[in-house]
Structure formats: structure tokens, C-alpha cells
Amino acid sequence: MDNNIEPRRKPNYPLHRIKFAIAVVALIVTSTLMLTWHGGSMNAALMVEGVYVATALWLIVRFAPRD
């Protein structure tokens, strides 16, 4: 029987908090821009919506139940 099991690494909680804070700020900023967008640039509007969708999906996947 092989007992060479590697010890589990300790989670880096400050990094998790920083990534979560960045995602929340990005979600709030992009949702605010989407609701108040008055510019004529379609490319910029699509980029803002892409960031919004990406951060929302990341937060959903990150905090979904692990059942």
C-alpha cells in the first residue's frame, strides 16, 4: 500500500477575498454602465455586457452549492 499522500495545501484566503471583491466591483460597475449607457459605440457596449456576463457567471459558479 502506498502512503505517499501529499498534504493538502492551506487555502489562500486573502487571494480569495481579493478576487471576490474584484468580481463584485466589476459586476456593479458593468451593470451600472449597462443601465446608464448613452454612448453610440456598439463595440464598447458589447464589451461592457461581456464583462458583466462573465463576472456574473463566475460568481454563480464560485458560490453554487457543491451538492
N, C-alpha and C. Protein backbone atom coordinates (compact mmCIF):
# COMPACT_ATOMS: atom_id res chain seq x y z
N MET A 1 0.84 -1.17 0.00
CA MET A 1 0.00 0.00 0.00
C MET A 1 0.90 1.25 0.00
N ASP A 2 0.58 2.20 -0.84
CA ASP A 2 1.40 3.40 -0.98
C ASP A 2 0.89 4.50 -0.07
N ASN A 3 1.76 4.99 0.83
CA ASN A 3 1.37 6.04 1.77
C ASN A 3 1.97 7.39 1.41
N ASN A 4 2.29 7.60 0.17
CA ASN A 4 2.86 8.88 -0.27
C ASN A 4 1.75 9.86 -0.65
N ILE A 5 0.93 10.19 0.30
CA ILE A 5 -0.16 11.14 0.07
C ILE A 5 0.37 12.54 0.37
N GLU A 6 0.21 13.44 -0.59
CA GLU A 6 0.68 14.80 -0.38
C GLU A 6 -0.25 15.52 0.58
N PRO A 7 0.30 16.32 1.48
CA PRO A 7 -0.57 17.08 2.39
C PRO A 7 -1.35 18.13 1.61
N ARG A 8 -2.57 18.40 2.08
CA ARG A 8 -3.41 19.40 1.42
C ARG A 8 -2.84 20.78 1.67
N ARG A 9 -2.87 21.60 0.63
CA ARG A 9 -2.38 22.96 0.76
C ARG A 9 -3.40 23.82 1.50
N LYS A 10 -2.89 24.73 2.27
CA LYS A 10 -3.75 25.65 3.01
C LYS A 10 -4.35 26.66 2.02
N PRO A 11 -5.65 26.90 2.08
CA PRO A 11 -6.27 27.86 1.15
C PRO A 11 -5.73 29.27 1.37
N ASN A 12 -5.59 30.00 0.28
CA ASN A 12 -5.10 31.37 0.34
C ASN A 12 -6.32 32.30 0.44
N TYR A 13 -6.77 32.54 1.67
CA TYR A 13 -8.00 33.31 1.87
C TYR A 13 -7.88 34.77 1.45
N PRO A 14 -6.75 35.45 1.70
CA PRO A 14 -6.67 36.83 1.21
C PRO A 14 -6.83 36.94 -0.31
N LEU A 15 -6.26 35.98 -1.05
CA LEU A 15 -6.39 35.99 -2.50
C LEU A 15 -7.85 35.76 -2.90
N HIS A 16 -8.54 34.85 -2.20
CA HIS A 16 -9.95 34.61 -2.48
C HIS A 16 -10.77 35.87 -2.25
N ARG A 17 -10.47 36.58 -1.16
CA ARG A 17 -11.21 37.81 -0.86
C ARG A 17 -10.96 38.89 -1.90
N ILE A 18 -9.72 38.99 -2.36
CA ILE A 18 -9.39 40.00 -3.38
C ILE A 18 -10.10 39.68 -4.69
N LYS A 19 -10.08 38.41 -5.10
CA LYS A 19 -10.76 38.03 -6.35
C LYS A 19 -12.26 38.25 -6.24
N PHE A 20 -12.84 37.94 -5.08
CA PHE A 20 -14.27 38.15 -4.88
C PHE A 20 -14.60 39.64 -4.93
N ALA A 21 -13.77 40.47 -4.28
CA ALA A 21 -14.01 41.92 -4.29
C ALA A 21 -13.91 42.48 -5.70
N ILE A 22 -12.93 42.03 -6.47
CA ILE A 22 -12.79 42.50 -7.85
C ILE A 22 -14.01 42.09 -8.68
N ALA A 23 -14.49 40.86 -8.49
CA ALA A 23 -15.65 40.39 -9.24
C ALA A 23 -16.90 41.18 -8.88
N VAL A 24 -17.08 41.47 -7.60
CA VAL A 24 -18.26 42.23 -7.18
C VAL A 24 -18.20 43.66 -7.73
N VAL A 25 -17.03 44.28 -7.64
CA VAL A 25 -16.89 45.64 -8.17
C VAL A 25 -17.13 45.64 -9.68
N ALA A 26 -16.57 44.66 -10.39
CA ALA A 26 -16.78 44.59 -11.84
C ALA A 26 -18.25 44.39 -12.17
N LEU A 27 -18.95 43.58 -11.39
CA LEU A 27 -20.37 43.35 -11.63
C LEU A 27 -21.17 44.63 -11.41
N ILE A 28 -20.88 45.35 -10.35
CA ILE A 28 -21.60 46.59 -10.06
C ILE A 28 -21.30 47.66 -11.11
N VAL A 29 -20.03 47.81 -11.47
CA VAL A 29 -19.66 48.82 -12.45
C VAL A 29 -20.28 48.53 -13.81
N THR A 30 -20.17 47.27 -14.26
CA THR A 30 -20.71 46.95 -15.58
C THR A 30 -22.23 47.01 -15.60
N SER A 31 -22.89 46.62 -14.51
CA SER A 31 -24.35 46.73 -14.50
C SER A 31 -24.77 48.20 -14.50
N THR A 32 -24.03 49.05 -13.78
CA THR A 32 -24.33 50.49 -13.80
C THR A 32 -24.12 51.06 -15.20
N LEU A 33 -23.04 50.69 -15.85
CA LEU A 33 -22.80 51.16 -17.21
C LEU A 33 -23.87 50.67 -18.18
N MET A 34 -24.32 49.43 -18.01
CA MET A 34 -25.35 48.91 -18.91
C MET A 34 -26.66 49.68 -18.74
N LEU A 35 -26.99 50.04 -17.50
CA LEU A 35 -28.25 50.73 -17.25
C LEU A 35 -28.20 52.21 -17.62
N THR A 36 -27.01 52.79 -17.67
CA THR A 36 -26.90 54.22 -17.95
C THR A 36 -26.16 54.51 -19.25
N TRP A 37 -26.03 53.52 -20.13
CA TRP A 37 -25.24 53.68 -21.34
C TRP A 37 -25.94 54.63 -22.31
N HIS A 38 -25.22 55.68 -22.73
CA HIS A 38 -25.76 56.61 -23.71
C HIS A 38 -24.82 56.79 -24.89
N GLY A 39 -23.74 56.04 -24.90
CA GLY A 39 -22.76 56.16 -25.98
C GLY A 39 -23.27 55.51 -27.26
N GLY A 40 -22.61 55.83 -28.35
CA GLY A 40 -23.03 55.29 -29.64
C GLY A 40 -22.18 54.13 -30.09
N SER A 41 -21.18 53.74 -29.32
CA SER A 41 -20.26 52.69 -29.74
C SER A 41 -20.82 51.31 -29.38
N MET A 42 -21.15 50.55 -30.39
CA MET A 42 -21.70 49.21 -30.17
C MET A 42 -20.62 48.27 -29.62
N ASN A 43 -19.37 48.44 -30.08
CA ASN A 43 -18.29 47.57 -29.60
C ASN A 43 -18.06 47.75 -28.11
N ALA A 44 -18.07 49.00 -27.64
CA ALA A 44 -17.87 49.25 -26.21
C ALA A 44 -19.04 48.70 -25.41
N ALA A 45 -20.25 48.84 -25.93
CA ALA A 45 -21.42 48.32 -25.22
C ALA A 45 -21.35 46.80 -25.12
N LEU A 46 -20.94 46.14 -26.18
CA LEU A 46 -20.81 44.67 -26.16
C LEU A 46 -19.70 44.23 -25.21
N MET A 47 -18.62 45.01 -25.12
CA MET A 47 -17.54 44.67 -24.20
C MET A 47 -18.03 44.78 -22.75
N VAL A 48 -18.77 45.84 -22.45
CA VAL A 48 -19.32 46.01 -21.10
C VAL A 48 -20.26 44.86 -20.76
N GLU A 49 -21.12 44.50 -21.68
CA GLU A 49 -22.05 43.39 -21.44
C GLU A 49 -21.30 42.07 -21.29
N GLY A 50 -20.22 41.88 -22.05
CA GLY A 50 -19.41 40.66 -21.92
C GLY A 50 -18.76 40.55 -20.55
N VAL A 51 -18.23 41.66 -20.05
CA VAL A 51 -17.63 41.64 -18.71
C VAL A 51 -18.70 41.36 -17.66
N TYR A 52 -19.88 41.96 -17.84
CA TYR A 52 -20.99 41.73 -16.91
C TYR A 52 -21.37 40.25 -16.87
N VAL A 53 -21.57 39.67 -18.02
CA VAL A 53 -21.96 38.26 -18.09
C VAL A 53 -20.87 37.36 -17.52
N ALA A 54 -19.61 37.65 -17.85
CA ALA A 54 -18.50 36.82 -17.37
C ALA A 54 -18.39 36.88 -15.84
N THR A 55 -18.50 38.07 -15.26
CA THR A 55 -18.38 38.16 -13.80
C THR A 55 -19.59 37.55 -13.11
N ALA A 56 -20.76 37.73 -13.69
CA ALA A 56 -21.96 37.12 -13.10
C ALA A 56 -21.85 35.59 -13.12
N LEU A 57 -21.41 35.04 -14.24
CA LEU A 57 -21.26 33.58 -14.32
C LEU A 57 -20.19 33.08 -13.37
N TRP A 58 -19.09 33.83 -13.24
CA TRP A 58 -18.03 33.41 -12.32
C TRP A 58 -18.54 33.39 -10.89
N LEU A 59 -19.30 34.42 -10.50
CA LEU A 59 -19.84 34.45 -9.14
C LEU A 59 -20.84 33.32 -8.91
N ILE A 60 -21.65 33.02 -9.91
CA ILE A 60 -22.62 31.93 -9.78
C ILE A 60 -21.90 30.59 -9.61
N VAL A 61 -20.92 30.33 -10.46
CA VAL A 61 -20.18 29.07 -10.39
C VAL A 61 -19.38 28.98 -9.10
N ARG A 62 -18.80 30.10 -8.68
CA ARG A 62 -17.97 30.11 -7.48
C ARG A 62 -18.76 29.81 -6.22
N PHE A 63 -19.98 30.32 -6.15
CA PHE A 63 -20.75 30.17 -4.93
C PHE A 63 -21.96 29.23 -5.07
N ALA A 64 -21.97 28.43 -6.11
CA ALA A 64 -23.04 27.44 -6.26
C ALA A 64 -22.84 26.33 -5.23
N PRO A 65 -23.92 25.74 -4.77
CA PRO A 65 -23.78 24.61 -3.85
C PRO A 65 -23.02 23.46 -4.50
N ARG A 66 -22.22 22.78 -3.71
CA ARG A 66 -21.36 21.71 -4.24
C ARG A 66 -22.03 20.33 -4.15
N ASP A 67 -23.33 20.28 -4.10
CA ASP A 67 -24.04 19.00 -3.95
C ASP A 67 -23.92 18.16 -5.19
